[in-house]
Amino acid sequence: MNNITVRQGTTNGITLYLLADNVAIDLSTAEKVLLILKSNDGISTSHDSDTGTSGCVITTAVSGIITFYPYSTTYTTSRVLKASESPYKLYVWVYPNASPDATKYSVPETNEITLNVRNE
């Protein structure tokens, strides 16, 4: 899951499998996940599964599967992925519970995922 390629203008969801040591992270008790997307010019956007409007959805919690919808009229804060802003880098913060200290961990832990966008 280190490299993903999509075509500019896609409205299809991008499925991500969240793993720790090659084992699916069970998100069934997670408070939320937060996908961070950075364009090649360093502009970051965050997509929170808790809002219901950001385009980041926990799809199959027990298997650690989330889906990012880069552009959709349903998800009002989604953004159009552009080839000119590619490659993007992304990672996901997992918030395991609603603790007051905002415990969270990053997936992947060491490197970011590269999202390449090709021209239409």
PDB file of N, CA and C in Angstrom:
ATOM      1  N   MET A   1       0.821  -1.194   0.000  1.00  0.00           N
ATOM      2  CA  MET A   1       0.000   0.000   0.000  1.00  0.00           C
ATOM      3  C   MET A   1       0.864   1.256   0.000  1.00  0.00           C
ATOM      4  N   ASN A   2       2.067   1.194  -0.480  1.00  0.00           N
ATOM      5  CA  ASN A   2       2.919   2.374  -0.459  1.00  0.00           C
ATOM      6  C   ASN A   2       2.680   3.318  -1.620  1.00  0.00           C
ATOM      7  N   ASN A   3       2.140   2.806  -2.744  1.00  0.00           N
ATOM      8  CA  ASN A   3       1.876   3.629  -3.925  1.00  0.00           C
ATOM      9  C   ASN A   3       0.496   3.324  -4.483  1.00  0.00           C
ATOM     10  N   ILE A   4      -0.245   4.386  -4.789  1.00  0.00           N
ATOM     11  CA  ILE A   4      -1.564   4.263  -5.385  1.00  0.00           C
ATOM     12  C   ILE A   4      -1.595   5.211  -6.579  1.00  0.00           C
ATOM     13  N   THR A   5      -2.204   4.771  -7.681  1.00  0.00           N
ATOM     14  CA  THR A   5      -2.346   5.630  -8.854  1.00  0.00           C
ATOM     15  C   THR A   5      -3.813   5.695  -9.254  1.00  0.00           C
ATOM     16  N   VAL A   6      -4.308   6.915  -9.475  1.00  0.00           N
ATOM     17  CA  VAL A   6      -5.675   7.130  -9.944  1.00  0.00           C
ATOM     18  C   VAL A   6      -5.641   8.131 -11.090  1.00  0.00           C
ATOM     19  N   ARG A   7      -6.748   8.234 -11.802  1.00  0.00           N
ATOM     20  CA  ARG A   7      -6.867   9.203 -12.892  1.00  0.00           C
ATOM     21  C   ARG A   7      -7.529  10.470 -12.366  1.00  0.00           C
ATOM     22  N   GLN A   8      -7.035  11.622 -12.841  1.00  0.00           N
ATOM     23  CA  GLN A   8      -7.611  12.914 -12.457  1.00  0.00           C
ATOM     24  C   GLN A   8      -9.098  12.929 -12.768  1.00  0.00           C
ATOM     25  N   GLY A   9      -9.878  13.451 -11.845  1.00  0.00           N
ATOM     26  CA  GLY A   9     -11.316  13.556 -12.028  1.00  0.00           C
ATOM     27  C   GLY A   9     -12.100  12.370 -11.506  1.00  0.00           C
ATOM     28  N   THR A  10     -11.407  11.361 -10.991  1.00  0.00           N
ATOM     29  CA  THR A  10     -12.128  10.191 -10.495  1.00  0.00           C
ATOM     30  C   THR A  10     -13.045  10.550  -9.333  1.00  0.00           C
ATOM     31  N   THR A  11     -14.196   9.907  -9.314  1.00  0.00           N
ATOM     32  CA  THR A  11     -15.093  10.029  -8.169  1.00  0.00           C
ATOM     33  C   THR A  11     -15.182   8.694  -7.434  1.00  0.00           C
ATOM     34  N   ASN A  12     -14.447   7.705  -7.922  1.00  0.00           N
ATOM     35  CA  ASN A  12     -14.415   6.404  -7.265  1.00  0.00           C
ATOM     36  C   ASN A  12     -13.701   6.511  -5.926  1.00  0.00           C
ATOM     37  N   GLY A  13     -14.146   5.726  -4.970  1.00  0.00           N
ATOM     38  CA  GLY A  13     -13.480   5.687  -3.687  1.00  0.00           C
ATOM     39  C   GLY A  13     -12.128   4.995  -3.787  1.00  0.00           C
ATOM     40  N   ILE A  14     -11.194   5.429  -2.962  1.00  0.00           N
ATOM     41  CA  ILE A  14      -9.874   4.812  -2.872  1.00  0.00           C
ATOM     42  C   ILE A  14      -9.861   4.015  -1.571  1.00  0.00           C
ATOM     43  N   THR A  15      -9.731   2.702  -1.692  1.00  0.00           N
ATOM     44  CA  THR A  15      -9.776   1.828  -0.526  1.00  0.00           C
ATOM     45  C   THR A  15      -8.384   1.697   0.077  1.00  0.00           C
ATOM     46  N   LEU A  16      -8.318   1.860   1.385  1.00  0.00           N
ATOM     47  CA  LEU A  16      -7.067   1.720   2.123  1.00  0.00           C
ATOM     48  C   LEU A  16      -7.246   0.667   3.209  1.00  0.00           C
ATOM     49  N   TYR A  17      -6.258  -0.200   3.330  1.00  0.00           N
ATOM     50  CA  TYR A  17      -6.256  -1.248   4.342  1.00  0.00           C
ATOM     51  C   TYR A  17      -5.273  -0.837   5.425  1.00  0.00           C
ATOM     52  N   LEU A  18      -5.765  -0.572   6.620  1.00  0.00           N
ATOM     53  CA  LEU A  18      -4.910  -0.129   7.709  1.00  0.00           C
ATOM     54  C   LEU A  18      -4.357  -1.350   8.439  1.00  0.00           C
ATOM     55  N   LEU A  19      -3.028  -1.466   8.405  1.00  0.00           N
ATOM     56  CA  LEU A  19      -2.347  -2.631   8.966  1.00  0.00           C
ATOM     57  C   LEU A  19      -1.297  -2.209   9.981  1.00  0.00           C
ATOM     58  N   ALA A  20      -1.064  -3.089  10.935  1.00  0.00           N
ATOM     59  CA  ALA A  20       0.053  -2.957  11.867  1.00  0.00           C
ATOM     60  C   ALA A  20       0.754  -4.310  11.869  1.00  0.00           C
ATOM     61  N   ASP A  21       2.013  -4.320  11.488  1.00  0.00           N
ATOM     62  CA  ASP A  21       2.764  -5.580  11.367  1.00  0.00           C
ATOM     63  C   ASP A  21       2.032  -6.580  10.479  1.00  0.00           C
ATOM     64  N   ASN A  22       1.498  -6.086   9.356  1.00  0.00           N
ATOM     65  CA  ASN A  22       0.774  -6.886   8.363  1.00  0.00           C
ATOM     66  C   ASN A  22      -0.505  -7.533   8.891  1.00  0.00           C
ATOM     67  N   VAL A  23      -1.041  -7.010   9.974  1.00  0.00           N
ATOM     68  CA  VAL A  23      -2.302  -7.491  10.531  1.00  0.00           C
ATOM     69  C   VAL A  23      -3.298  -6.326  10.496  1.00  0.00           C
ATOM     70  N   ALA A  24      -4.515  -6.611  10.074  1.00  0.00           N
ATOM     71  CA  ALA A  24      -5.543  -5.569  10.000  1.00  0.00           C
ATOM     72  C   ALA A  24      -5.794  -4.947  11.370  1.00  0.00           C
ATOM     73  N   ILE A  25      -5.906  -3.628  11.391  1.00  0.00           N
ATOM     74  CA  ILE A  25      -6.221  -2.905  12.620  1.00  0.00           C
ATOM     75  C   ILE A  25      -7.733  -2.904  12.785  1.00  0.00           C
ATOM     76  N   ASP A  26      -8.206  -3.449  13.881  1.00  0.00           N
ATOM     77  CA  ASP A  26      -9.641  -3.497  14.151  1.00  0.00           C
ATOM     78  C   ASP A  26     -10.115  -2.102  14.560  1.00  0.00           C
ATOM     79  N   LEU A  27     -10.921  -1.491  13.730  1.00  0.00           N
ATOM     80  CA  LEU A  27     -11.419  -0.136  13.973  1.00  0.00           C
ATOM     81  C   LEU A  27     -12.808  -0.123  14.609  1.00  0.00           C
ATOM     82  N   SER A  28     -13.316  -1.287  14.994  1.00  0.00           N
ATOM     83  CA  SER A  28     -14.692  -1.358  15.492  1.00  0.00           C
ATOM     84  C   SER A  28     -14.894  -0.583  16.789  1.00  0.00           C
ATOM     85  N   THR A  29     -13.838  -0.368  17.556  1.00  0.00           N
ATOM     86  CA  THR A  29     -13.972   0.434  18.778  1.00  0.00           C
ATOM     87  C   THR A  29     -13.284   1.788  18.650  1.00  0.00           C
ATOM     88  N   ALA A  30     -12.778   2.088  17.472  1.00  0.00           N
ATOM     89  CA  ALA A  30     -12.089   3.374  17.272  1.00  0.00           C
ATOM     90  C   ALA A  30     -13.094   4.519  17.293  1.00  0.00           C
ATOM     91  N   GLU A  31     -12.657   5.625  17.865  1.00  0.00           N
ATOM     92  CA  GLU A  31     -13.500   6.818  17.862  1.00  0.00           C
ATOM     93  C   GLU A  31     -13.649   7.349  16.436  1.00  0.00           C
ATOM     94  N   LYS A  32     -12.506   7.414  15.725  1.00  0.00           N
ATOM     95  CA  LYS A  32     -12.518   7.921  14.358  1.00  0.00           C
ATOM     96  C   LYS A  32     -11.163   7.687  13.718  1.00  0.00           C
ATOM     97  N   VAL A  33     -11.079   7.942  12.414  1.00  0.00           N
ATOM     98  CA  VAL A  33      -9.808   8.028  11.705  1.00  0.00           C
ATOM     99  C   VAL A  33      -9.767   9.381  11.013  1.00  0.00           C
ATOM    100  N   LEU A  34      -8.564   9.879  10.834  1.00  0.00           N
ATOM    101  CA  LEU A  34      -8.360  11.182  10.202  1.00  0.00           C
ATOM    102  C   LEU A  34      -7.316  11.009   9.113  1.00  0.00           C
ATOM    103  N   LEU A  35      -7.732  11.146   7.850  1.00  0.00           N
ATOM    104  CA  LEU A  35      -6.819  11.010   6.720  1.00  0.00           C
ATOM    105  C   LEU A  35      -6.211  12.375   6.420  1.00  0.00           C
ATOM    106  N   ILE A  36      -4.880  12.429   6.355  1.00  0.00           N
ATOM    107  CA  ILE A  36      -4.161  13.660   6.019  1.00  0.00           C
ATOM    108  C   ILE A  36      -3.616  13.505   4.602  1.00  0.00           C
ATOM    109  N   LEU A  37      -3.957  14.448   3.737  1.00  0.00           N
ATOM    110  CA  LEU A  37      -3.559  14.431   2.335  1.00  0.00           C
ATOM    111  C   LEU A  37      -2.736  15.681   2.061  1.00  0.00           C
ATOM    112  N   LYS A  38      -1.506  15.493   1.558  1.00  0.00           N
ATOM    113  CA  LYS A  38      -0.621  16.628   1.255  1.00  0.00           C
ATOM    114  C   LYS A  38      -0.290  16.635  -0.232  1.00  0.00           C
ATOM    115  N   SER A  39      -0.546  17.760  -0.902  1.00  0.00           N
ATOM    116  CA  SER A  39      -0.200  17.893  -2.316  1.00  0.00           C
ATOM    117  C   SER A  39       1.300  18.130  -2.452  1.00  0.00           C
ATOM    118  N   ASN A  40       1.792  18.077  -3.697  1.00  0.00           N
ATOM    119  CA  ASN A  40       3.237  18.242  -3.910  1.00  0.00           C
ATOM    120  C   ASN A  40       3.733  19.643  -3.572  1.00  0.00           C
ATOM    121  N   ASP A  41       2.826  20.604  -3.409  1.00  0.00           N
ATOM    122  CA  ASP A  41       3.246  21.952  -3.008  1.00  0.00           C
ATOM    123  C   ASP A  41       3.117  22.166  -1.497  1.00  0.00           C
ATOM    124  N   GLY A  42       2.851  21.064  -0.771  1.00  0.00           N
ATOM    125  CA  GLY A  42       2.846  21.120   0.683  1.00  0.00           C
ATOM    126  C   GLY A  42       1.535  21.495   1.336  1.00  0.00           C
ATOM    127  N   ILE A  43       0.493  21.712   0.541  1.00  0.00           N
ATOM    128  CA  ILE A  43      -0.806  22.069   1.122  1.00  0.00           C
ATOM    129  C   ILE A  43      -1.474  20.801   1.657  1.00  0.00           C
ATOM    130  N   SER A  44      -1.870  20.834   2.923  1.00  0.00           N
ATOM    131  CA  SER A  44      -2.490  19.679   3.572  1.00  0.00           C
ATOM    132  C   SER A  44      -3.982  19.893   3.756  1.00  0.00           C
ATOM    133  N   THR A  45      -4.731  18.815   3.589  1.00  0.00           N
ATOM    134  CA  THR A  45      -6.144  18.814   3.942  1.00  0.00           C
ATOM    135  C   THR A  45      -6.387  17.603   4.827  1.00  0.00           C
ATOM    136  N   SER A  46      -7.337  17.726   5.730  1.00  0.00           N
ATOM    137  CA  SER A  46      -7.656  16.596   6.603  1.00  0.00           C
ATOM    138  C   SER A  46      -9.083  16.151   6.339  1.00  0.00           C
ATOM    139  N   HIS A  47      -9.293  14.847   6.432  1.00  0.00           N
ATOM    140  CA  HIS A  47     -10.576  14.236   6.116  1.00  0.00           C
ATOM    141  C   HIS A  47     -10.932  13.305   7.273  1.00  0.00           C
ATOM    142  N   ASP A  48     -11.914  13.700   8.051  1.00  0.00           N
ATOM    143  CA  ASP A  48     -12.260  13.085   9.328  1.00  0.00           C
ATOM    144  C   ASP A  48     -13.463  12.154   9.162  1.00  0.00           C
ATOM    145  N   SER A  49     -13.312  10.895   9.539  1.00  0.00           N
ATOM    146  CA  SER A  49     -14.430   9.948   9.406  1.00  0.00           C
ATOM    147  C   SER A  49     -15.589  10.291  10.325  1.00  0.00           C
ATOM    148  N   ASP A  50     -15.342  11.118  11.315  1.00  0.00           N
ATOM    149  CA  ASP A  50     -16.355  11.444  12.310  1.00  0.00           C
ATOM    150  C   ASP A  50     -17.358  12.503  11.827  1.00  0.00           C
ATOM    151  N   THR A  51     -17.004  13.259  10.794  1.00  0.00           N
ATOM    152  CA  THR A  51     -17.862  14.359  10.370  1.00  0.00           C
ATOM    153  C   THR A  51     -18.983  13.932   9.437  1.00  0.00           C
ATOM    154  N   GLY A  52     -18.757  12.869   8.671  1.00  0.00           N
ATOM    155  CA  GLY A  52     -19.763  12.429   7.712  1.00  0.00           C
ATOM    156  C   GLY A  52     -19.796  13.245   6.439  1.00  0.00           C
ATOM    157  N   THR A  53     -18.955  14.272   6.334  1.00  0.00           N
ATOM    158  CA  THR A  53     -18.943  15.108   5.129  1.00  0.00           C
ATOM    159  C   THR A  53     -17.566  15.228   4.493  1.00  0.00           C
ATOM    160  N   SER A  54     -16.557  14.553   5.033  1.00  0.00           N
ATOM    161  CA  SER A  54     -15.192  14.797   4.579  1.00  0.00           C
ATOM    162  C   SER A  54     -14.694  13.846   3.511  1.00  0.00           C
ATOM    163  N   GLY A  55     -15.446  12.803   3.212  1.00  0.00           N
ATOM    164  CA  GLY A  55     -15.000  11.859   2.198  1.00  0.00           C
ATOM    165  C   GLY A  55     -14.158  10.732   2.733  1.00  0.00           C
ATOM    166  N   CYS A  56     -13.953  10.636   4.039  1.00  0.00           N
ATOM    167  CA  CYS A  56     -13.223   9.526   4.651  1.00  0.00           C
ATOM    168  C   CYS A  56     -14.228   8.712   5.458  1.00  0.00           C
ATOM    169  N   VAL A  57     -14.353   7.437   5.106  1.00  0.00           N
ATOM    170  CA  VAL A  57     -15.370   6.594   5.715  1.00  0.00           C
ATOM    171  C   VAL A  57     -14.728   5.295   6.192  1.00  0.00           C
ATOM    172  N   ILE A  58     -15.062   4.860   7.409  1.00  0.00           N
ATOM    173  CA  ILE A  58     -14.662   3.523   7.852  1.00  0.00           C
ATOM    174  C   ILE A  58     -15.616   2.555   7.177  1.00  0.00           C
ATOM    175  N   THR A  59     -15.095   1.749   6.259  1.00  0.00           N
ATOM    176  CA  THR A  59     -15.921   0.894   5.418  1.00  0.00           C
ATOM    177  C   THR A  59     -16.192  -0.459   6.075  1.00  0.00           C
ATOM    178  N   THR A  60     -15.136  -1.132   6.519  1.00  0.00           N
ATOM    179  CA  THR A  60     -15.254  -2.419   7.205  1.00  0.00           C
ATOM    180  C   THR A  60     -14.364  -2.355   8.438  1.00  0.00           C
ATOM    181  N   ALA A  61     -14.951  -1.983   9.549  1.00  0.00           N
ATOM    182  CA  ALA A  61     -14.191  -1.669  10.759  1.00  0.00           C
ATOM    183  C   ALA A  61     -13.327  -2.822  11.241  1.00  0.00           C
ATOM    184  N   VAL A  62     -13.886  -4.005  11.352  1.00  0.00           N
ATOM    185  CA  VAL A  62     -13.151  -5.127  11.924  1.00  0.00           C
ATOM    186  C   VAL A  62     -11.942  -5.519  11.067  1.00  0.00           C
ATOM    187  N   SER A  63     -11.970  -5.204   9.777  1.00  0.00           N
ATOM    188  CA  SER A  63     -10.861  -5.527   8.871  1.00  0.00           C
ATOM    189  C   SER A  63      -9.934  -4.345   8.621  1.00  0.00           C
ATOM    190  N   GLY A  64     -10.176  -3.218   9.276  1.00  0.00           N
ATOM    191  CA  GLY A  64      -9.314  -2.054   9.124  1.00  0.00           C
ATOM    192  C   GLY A  64      -9.393  -1.396   7.761  1.00  0.00           C
ATOM    193  N   ILE A  65     -10.552  -1.450   7.133  1.00  0.00           N
ATOM    194  CA  ILE A  65     -10.693  -0.902   5.780  1.00  0.00           C
ATOM    195  C   ILE A  65     -11.406   0.446   5.843  1.00  0.00           C
ATOM    196  N   ILE A  66     -10.771   1.452   5.224  1.00  0.00           N
ATOM    197  CA  ILE A  66     -11.397   2.758   5.082  1.00  0.00           C
ATOM    198  C   ILE A  66     -11.449   3.107   3.602  1.00  0.00           C
ATOM    199  N   THR A  67     -12.339   4.019   3.252  1.00  0.00           N
ATOM    200  CA  THR A  67     -12.439   4.475   1.869  1.00  0.00           C
ATOM    201  C   THR A  67     -12.376   5.988   1.865  1.00  0.00           C
ATOM    202  N   PHE A  68     -11.542   6.511   0.959  1.00  0.00           N
ATOM    203  CA  PHE A  68     -11.426   7.955   0.764  1.00  0.00           C
ATOM    204  C   PHE A  68     -12.060   8.288  -0.573  1.00  0.00           C
ATOM    205  N   TYR A  69     -13.049   9.189  -0.545  1.00  0.00           N
ATOM    206  CA  TYR A  69     -13.720   9.638  -1.760  1.00  0.00           C
ATOM    207  C   TYR A  69     -13.143  11.003  -2.125  1.00  0.00           C
ATOM    208  N   PRO A  70     -12.270  11.049  -3.147  1.00  0.00           N
ATOM    209  CA  PRO A  70     -11.584  12.302  -3.458  1.00  0.00           C
ATOM    210  C   PRO A  70     -12.502  13.412  -3.940  1.00  0.00           C
ATOM    211  N   TYR A  71     -13.599  13.054  -4.565  1.00  0.00           N
ATOM    212  CA  TYR A  71     -14.544  14.091  -4.974  1.00  0.00           C
ATOM    213  C   TYR A  71     -15.933  13.484  -5.001  1.00  0.00           C
ATOM    214  N   SER A  72     -16.846  14.140  -4.337  1.00  0.00           N
ATOM    215  CA  SER A  72     -18.217  13.655  -4.293  1.00  0.00           C
ATOM    216  C   SER A  72     -19.116  14.793  -3.852  1.00  0.00           C
ATOM    217  N   THR A  73     -20.298  14.862  -4.414  1.00  0.00           N
ATOM    218  CA  THR A  73     -21.247  15.872  -3.952  1.00  0.00           C
ATOM    219  C   THR A  73     -21.798  15.523  -2.575  1.00  0.00           C
ATOM    220  N   THR A  74     -21.699  14.256  -2.193  1.00  0.00           N
ATOM    221  CA  THR A  74     -22.149  13.834  -0.865  1.00  0.00           C
ATOM    222  C   THR A  74     -21.206  14.335   0.217  1.00  0.00           C
ATOM    223  N   TYR A  75     -19.912  14.254  -0.063  1.00  0.00           N
ATOM    224  CA  TYR A  75     -18.900  14.635   0.917  1.00  0.00           C
ATOM    225  C   TYR A  75     -18.408  16.036   0.575  1.00  0.00           C
ATOM    226  N   THR A  76     -18.962  17.009   1.242  1.00  0.00           N
ATOM    227  CA  THR A  76     -18.797  18.410   0.856  1.00  0.00           C
ATOM    228  C   THR A  76     -17.384  18.954   1.023  1.00  0.00           C
ATOM    229  N   THR A  77     -16.580  18.364   1.890  1.00  0.00           N
ATOM    230  CA  THR A  77     -15.217  18.883   2.050  1.00  0.00           C
ATOM    231  C   THR A  77     -14.178  18.043   1.322  1.00  0.00           C
ATOM    232  N   SER A  78     -14.624  17.108   0.481  1.00  0.00           N
ATOM    233  CA  SER A  78     -13.676  16.361  -0.347  1.00  0.00           C
ATOM    234  C   SER A  78     -13.030  17.310  -1.341  1.00  0.00           C
ATOM    235  N   ARG A  79     -11.937  16.886  -1.926  1.00  0.00           N
ATOM    236  CA  ARG A  79     -11.276  17.744  -2.899  1.00  0.00           C
ATOM    237  C   ARG A  79     -11.009  16.972  -4.170  1.00  0.00           C
ATOM    238  N   VAL A  80     -10.937  17.692  -5.269  1.00  0.00           N
ATOM    239  CA  VAL A  80     -10.618  17.098  -6.554  1.00  0.00           C
ATOM    240  C   VAL A  80      -9.112  16.864  -6.596  1.00  0.00           C
ATOM    241  N   LEU A  81      -8.717  15.642  -6.921  1.00  0.00           N
ATOM    242  CA  LEU A  81      -7.294  15.334  -7.061  1.00  0.00           C
ATOM    243  C   LEU A  81      -6.836  15.778  -8.438  1.00  0.00           C
ATOM    244  N   LYS A  82      -5.746  16.513  -8.492  1.00  0.00           N
ATOM    245  CA  LYS A  82      -5.250  17.069  -9.750  1.00  0.00           C
ATOM    246  C   LYS A  82      -3.863  16.524 -10.061  1.00  0.00           C
ATOM    247  N   ALA A  83      -3.640  16.199 -11.337  1.00  0.00           N
ATOM    248  CA  ALA A  83      -2.334  15.709 -11.763  1.00  0.00           C
ATOM    249  C   ALA A  83      -1.245  16.740 -11.483  1.00  0.00           C
ATOM    250  N   SER A  84      -1.579  18.029 -11.602  1.00  0.00           N
ATOM    251  CA  SER A  84      -0.590  19.089 -11.386  1.00  0.00           C
ATOM    252  C   SER A  84      -0.153  19.188  -9.923  1.00  0.00           C
ATOM    253  N   GLU A  85      -0.941  18.633  -9.000  1.00  0.00           N
ATOM    254  CA  GLU A  85      -0.590  18.649  -7.575  1.00  0.00           C
ATOM    255  C   GLU A  85      -0.030  17.304  -7.109  1.00  0.00           C
ATOM    256  N   SER A  86       0.156  16.384  -8.052  1.00  0.00           N
ATOM    257  CA  SER A  86       0.636  15.042  -7.774  1.00  0.00           C
ATOM    258  C   SER A  86       2.166  15.012  -7.811  1.00  0.00           C
ATOM    259  N   PRO A  87       2.825  14.158  -7.080  1.00  0.00           N
ATOM    260  CA  PRO A  87       2.245  13.150  -6.214  1.00  0.00           C
ATOM    261  C   PRO A  87       1.812  13.741  -4.872  1.00  0.00           C
ATOM    262  N   TYR A  88       0.739  13.191  -4.356  1.00  0.00           N
ATOM    263  CA  TYR A  88       0.270  13.516  -3.019  1.00  0.00           C
ATOM    264  C   TYR A  88       0.911  12.531  -2.045  1.00  0.00           C
ATOM    265  N   LYS A  89       0.994  12.918  -0.813  1.00  0.00           N
ATOM    266  CA  LYS A  89       1.403  12.026   0.266  1.00  0.00           C
ATOM    267  C   LYS A  89       0.238  11.945   1.239  1.00  0.00           C
ATOM    268  N   LEU A  90      -0.002  10.770   1.775  1.00  0.00           N
ATOM    269  CA  LEU A  90      -1.092  10.656   2.743  1.00  0.00           C
ATOM    270  C   LEU A  90      -0.728   9.687   3.850  1.00  0.00           C
ATOM    271  N   TYR A  91      -1.354   9.902   4.969  1.00  0.00           N
ATOM    272  CA  TYR A  91      -1.281   8.981   6.100  1.00  0.00           C
ATOM    273  C   TYR A  91      -2.565   9.135   6.893  1.00  0.00           C
ATOM    274  N   VAL A  92      -2.777   8.228   7.831  1.00  0.00           N
ATOM    275  CA  VAL A  92      -4.023   8.203   8.592  1.00  0.00           C
ATOM    276  C   VAL A  92      -3.710   8.208  10.079  1.00  0.00           C
ATOM    277  N   TRP A  93      -4.382   9.074  10.820  1.00  0.00           N
ATOM    278  CA  TRP A  93      -4.351   9.034  12.278  1.00  0.00           C
ATOM    279  C   TRP A  93      -5.516   8.166  12.725  1.00  0.00           C
ATOM    280  N   VAL A  94      -5.249   7.213  13.592  1.00  0.00           N
ATOM    281  CA  VAL A  94      -6.294   6.390  14.185  1.00  0.00           C
ATOM    282  C   VAL A  94      -6.452   6.819  15.638  1.00  0.00           C
ATOM    283  N   TYR A  95      -7.665   7.178  16.001  1.00  0.00           N
ATOM    284  CA  TYR A  95      -7.996   7.557  17.376  1.00  0.00           C
ATOM    285  C   TYR A  95      -8.728   6.360  17.992  1.00  0.00           C
ATOM    286  N   PRO A  96      -8.051   5.573  18.826  1.00  0.00           N
ATOM    287  CA  PRO A  96      -8.643   4.331  19.310  1.00  0.00           C
ATOM    288  C   PRO A  96      -9.815   4.508  20.272  1.00  0.00           C
ATOM    289  N   ASN A  97      -9.901   5.643  20.930  1.00  0.00           N
ATOM    290  CA  ASN A  97     -11.011   5.859  21.858  1.00  0.00           C
ATOM    291  C   ASN A  97     -11.184   7.354  22.088  1.00  0.00           C
ATOM    292  N   ALA A  98     -12.171   7.688  22.850  1.00  0.00           N
ATOM    293  CA  ALA A  98     -12.474   9.103  23.096  1.00  0.00           C
ATOM    294  C   ALA A  98     -11.800   9.607  24.370  1.00  0.00           C
ATOM    295  N   SER A  99     -10.576   9.158  24.598  1.00  0.00           N
ATOM    296  CA  SER A  99      -9.886   9.552  25.831  1.00  0.00           C
ATOM    297  C   SER A  99      -9.575  11.044  25.834  1.00  0.00           C
ATOM    298  N   PRO A 100      -9.530  11.647  27.012  1.00  0.00           N
ATOM    299  CA  PRO A 100      -9.280  13.091  27.108  1.00  0.00           C
ATOM    300  C   PRO A 100      -7.892  13.500  26.598  1.00  0.00           C
ATOM    301  N   ASP A 101      -6.938  12.567  26.606  1.00  0.00           N
ATOM    302  CA  ASP A 101      -5.591  12.920  26.148  1.00  0.00           C
ATOM    303  C   ASP A 101      -5.421  12.758  24.643  1.00  0.00           C
ATOM    304  N   ALA A 102      -6.513  12.465  23.932  1.00  0.00           N
ATOM    305  CA  ALA A 102      -6.512  12.362  22.466  1.00  0.00           C
ATOM    306  C   ALA A 102      -5.444  11.399  21.957  1.00  0.00           C
ATOM    307  N   THR A 103      -5.381  10.219  22.552  1.00  0.00           N
ATOM    308  CA  THR A 103      -4.456   9.187  22.100  1.00  0.00           C
ATOM    309  C   THR A 103      -4.692   8.917  20.619  1.00  0.00           C
ATOM    310  N   LYS A 104      -3.603   8.812  19.854  1.00  0.00           N
ATOM    311  CA  LYS A 104      -3.715   8.523  18.424  1.00  0.00           C
ATOM    312  C   LYS A 104      -2.427   7.876  17.954  1.00  0.00           C
ATOM    313  N   TYR A 105      -2.508   7.180  16.835  1.00  0.00           N
ATOM    314  CA  TYR A 105      -1.298   6.644  16.215  1.00  0.00           C
ATOM    315  C   TYR A 105      -1.426   6.719  14.701  1.00  0.00           C
ATOM    316  N   SER A 106      -0.279   6.755  14.059  1.00  0.00           N
ATOM    317  CA  SER A 106      -0.214   6.980  12.622  1.00  0.00           C
ATOM    318  C   SER A 106      -0.117   5.663  11.856  1.00  0.00           C
ATOM    319  N   VAL A 107      -0.801   5.600  10.718  1.00  0.00           N
ATOM    320  CA  VAL A 107      -0.699   4.479   9.790  1.00  0.00           C
ATOM    321  C   VAL A 107      -0.452   5.052   8.410  1.00  0.00           C
ATOM    322  N   PRO A 108       0.612   4.686   7.720  1.00  0.00           N
ATOM    323  CA  PRO A 108       1.710   3.895   8.242  1.00  0.00           C
ATOM    324  C   PRO A 108       2.531   4.692   9.261  1.00  0.00           C
ATOM    325  N   GLU A 109       3.320   3.979  10.044  1.00  0.00           N
ATOM    326  CA  GLU A 109       4.079   4.635  11.106  1.00  0.00           C
ATOM    327  C   GLU A 109       5.309   5.367  10.599  1.00  0.00           C
ATOM    328  N   THR A 110       5.995   4.817   9.624  1.00  0.00           N
ATOM    329  CA  THR A 110       7.282   5.391   9.231  1.00  0.00           C
ATOM    330  C   THR A 110       7.262   6.180   7.937  1.00  0.00           C
ATOM    331  N   ASN A 111       6.552   5.725   6.933  1.00  0.00           N
ATOM    332  CA  ASN A 111       6.526   6.414   5.642  1.00  0.00           C
ATOM    333  C   ASN A 111       5.109   6.810   5.299  1.00  0.00           C
ATOM    334  N   GLU A 112       5.003   7.775   4.412  1.00  0.00           N
ATOM    335  CA  GLU A 112       3.680   8.155   3.930  1.00  0.00           C
ATOM    336  C   GLU A 112       3.361   7.367   2.671  1.00  0.00           C
ATOM    337  N   ILE A 113       2.093   7.250   2.356  1.00  0.00           N
ATOM    338  CA  ILE A 113       1.651   6.592   1.141  1.00  0.00           C
ATOM    339  C   ILE A 113       1.697   7.613   0.012  1.00  0.00           C
ATOM    340  N   THR A 114       2.203   7.220  -1.143  1.00  0.00           N
ATOM    341  CA  THR A 114       2.254   8.099  -2.307  1.00  0.00           C
ATOM    342  C   THR A 114       1.011   7.874  -3.162  1.00  0.00           C
ATOM    343  N   LEU A 115       0.321   8.962  -3.464  1.00  0.00           N
ATOM    344  CA  LEU A 115      -0.873   8.921  -4.312  1.00  0.00           C
ATOM    345  C   LEU A 115      -0.560   9.682  -5.592  1.00  0.00           C
ATOM    346  N   ASN A 116      -0.399   8.952  -6.695  1.00  0.00           N
ATOM    347  CA  ASN A 116      -0.114   9.551  -7.996  1.00  0.00           C
ATOM    348  C   ASN A 116      -1.416   9.792  -8.745  1.00  0.00           C
ATOM    349  N   VAL A 117      -1.511  10.925  -9.414  1.00  0.00           N
ATOM    350  CA  VAL A 117      -2.716  11.247 -10.186  1.00  0.00           C
ATOM    351  C   VAL A 117      -2.287  11.491 -11.632  1.00  0.00           C
ATOM    352  N   ARG A 118      -2.875  10.691 -12.549  1.00  0.00           N
ATOM    353  CA  ARG A 118      -2.583  10.825 -13.965  1.00  0.00           C
ATOM    354  C   ARG A 118      -3.582  11.756 -14.617  1.00  0.00           C
ATOM    355  N   ASN A 119      -3.190  12.358 -15.738  1.00  0.00           N
ATOM    356  CA  ASN A 119      -4.112  13.214 -16.498  1.00  0.00           C
ATOM    357  C   ASN A 119      -5.265  12.387 -17.043  1.00  0.00           C
ATOM    358  N   GLU A 120      -6.380  13.066 -17.321  1.00  0.00           N
ATOM    359  CA  GLU A 120      -7.564  12.383 -17.866  1.00  0.00           C
ATOM    360  C   GLU A 120      -7.276  11.790 -19.218  1.00  0.00           C
TER     361      GLU A 120
END
